[in-house]
Amino acid sequence: MIAVRVGEVFNVDLKATPTTGYRWQPVDLPGVRLVDTGFTADGTTPGQGGTERFHLRAAEPGRHTLTFELKRAWETDPVDTRTVEIDVSEA
């Protein structure tokens, strides 16, 4: 559970290897707004995995479940799904 206040920016980090074609995609983000995304490789080797980071801003108070799916852009079925619980309080 991530505890944040309305207006606060927070990160969700997920392990990824985008060179395989698989990327984490936010599919349900109630109570938050997507600010930015980024990827940081674990090292300098080409094709190496790393961390995909989602920068989110808490927008609505309450408890929310964020859902991310790991899939290729042209496929409909994910190979993995992750959920993140957040508790957003008033600013």
Foldseek 3Di string as FASTA:
>chain_A
DAEEEAFDKDKDKDKDQCVVQKDKDWDDDPQKDFDDKDWDFPDDDPRGIGIIMTIIGGHDAAKDKTKIFIDHPPDDDGPDMDIDIYGYHYD
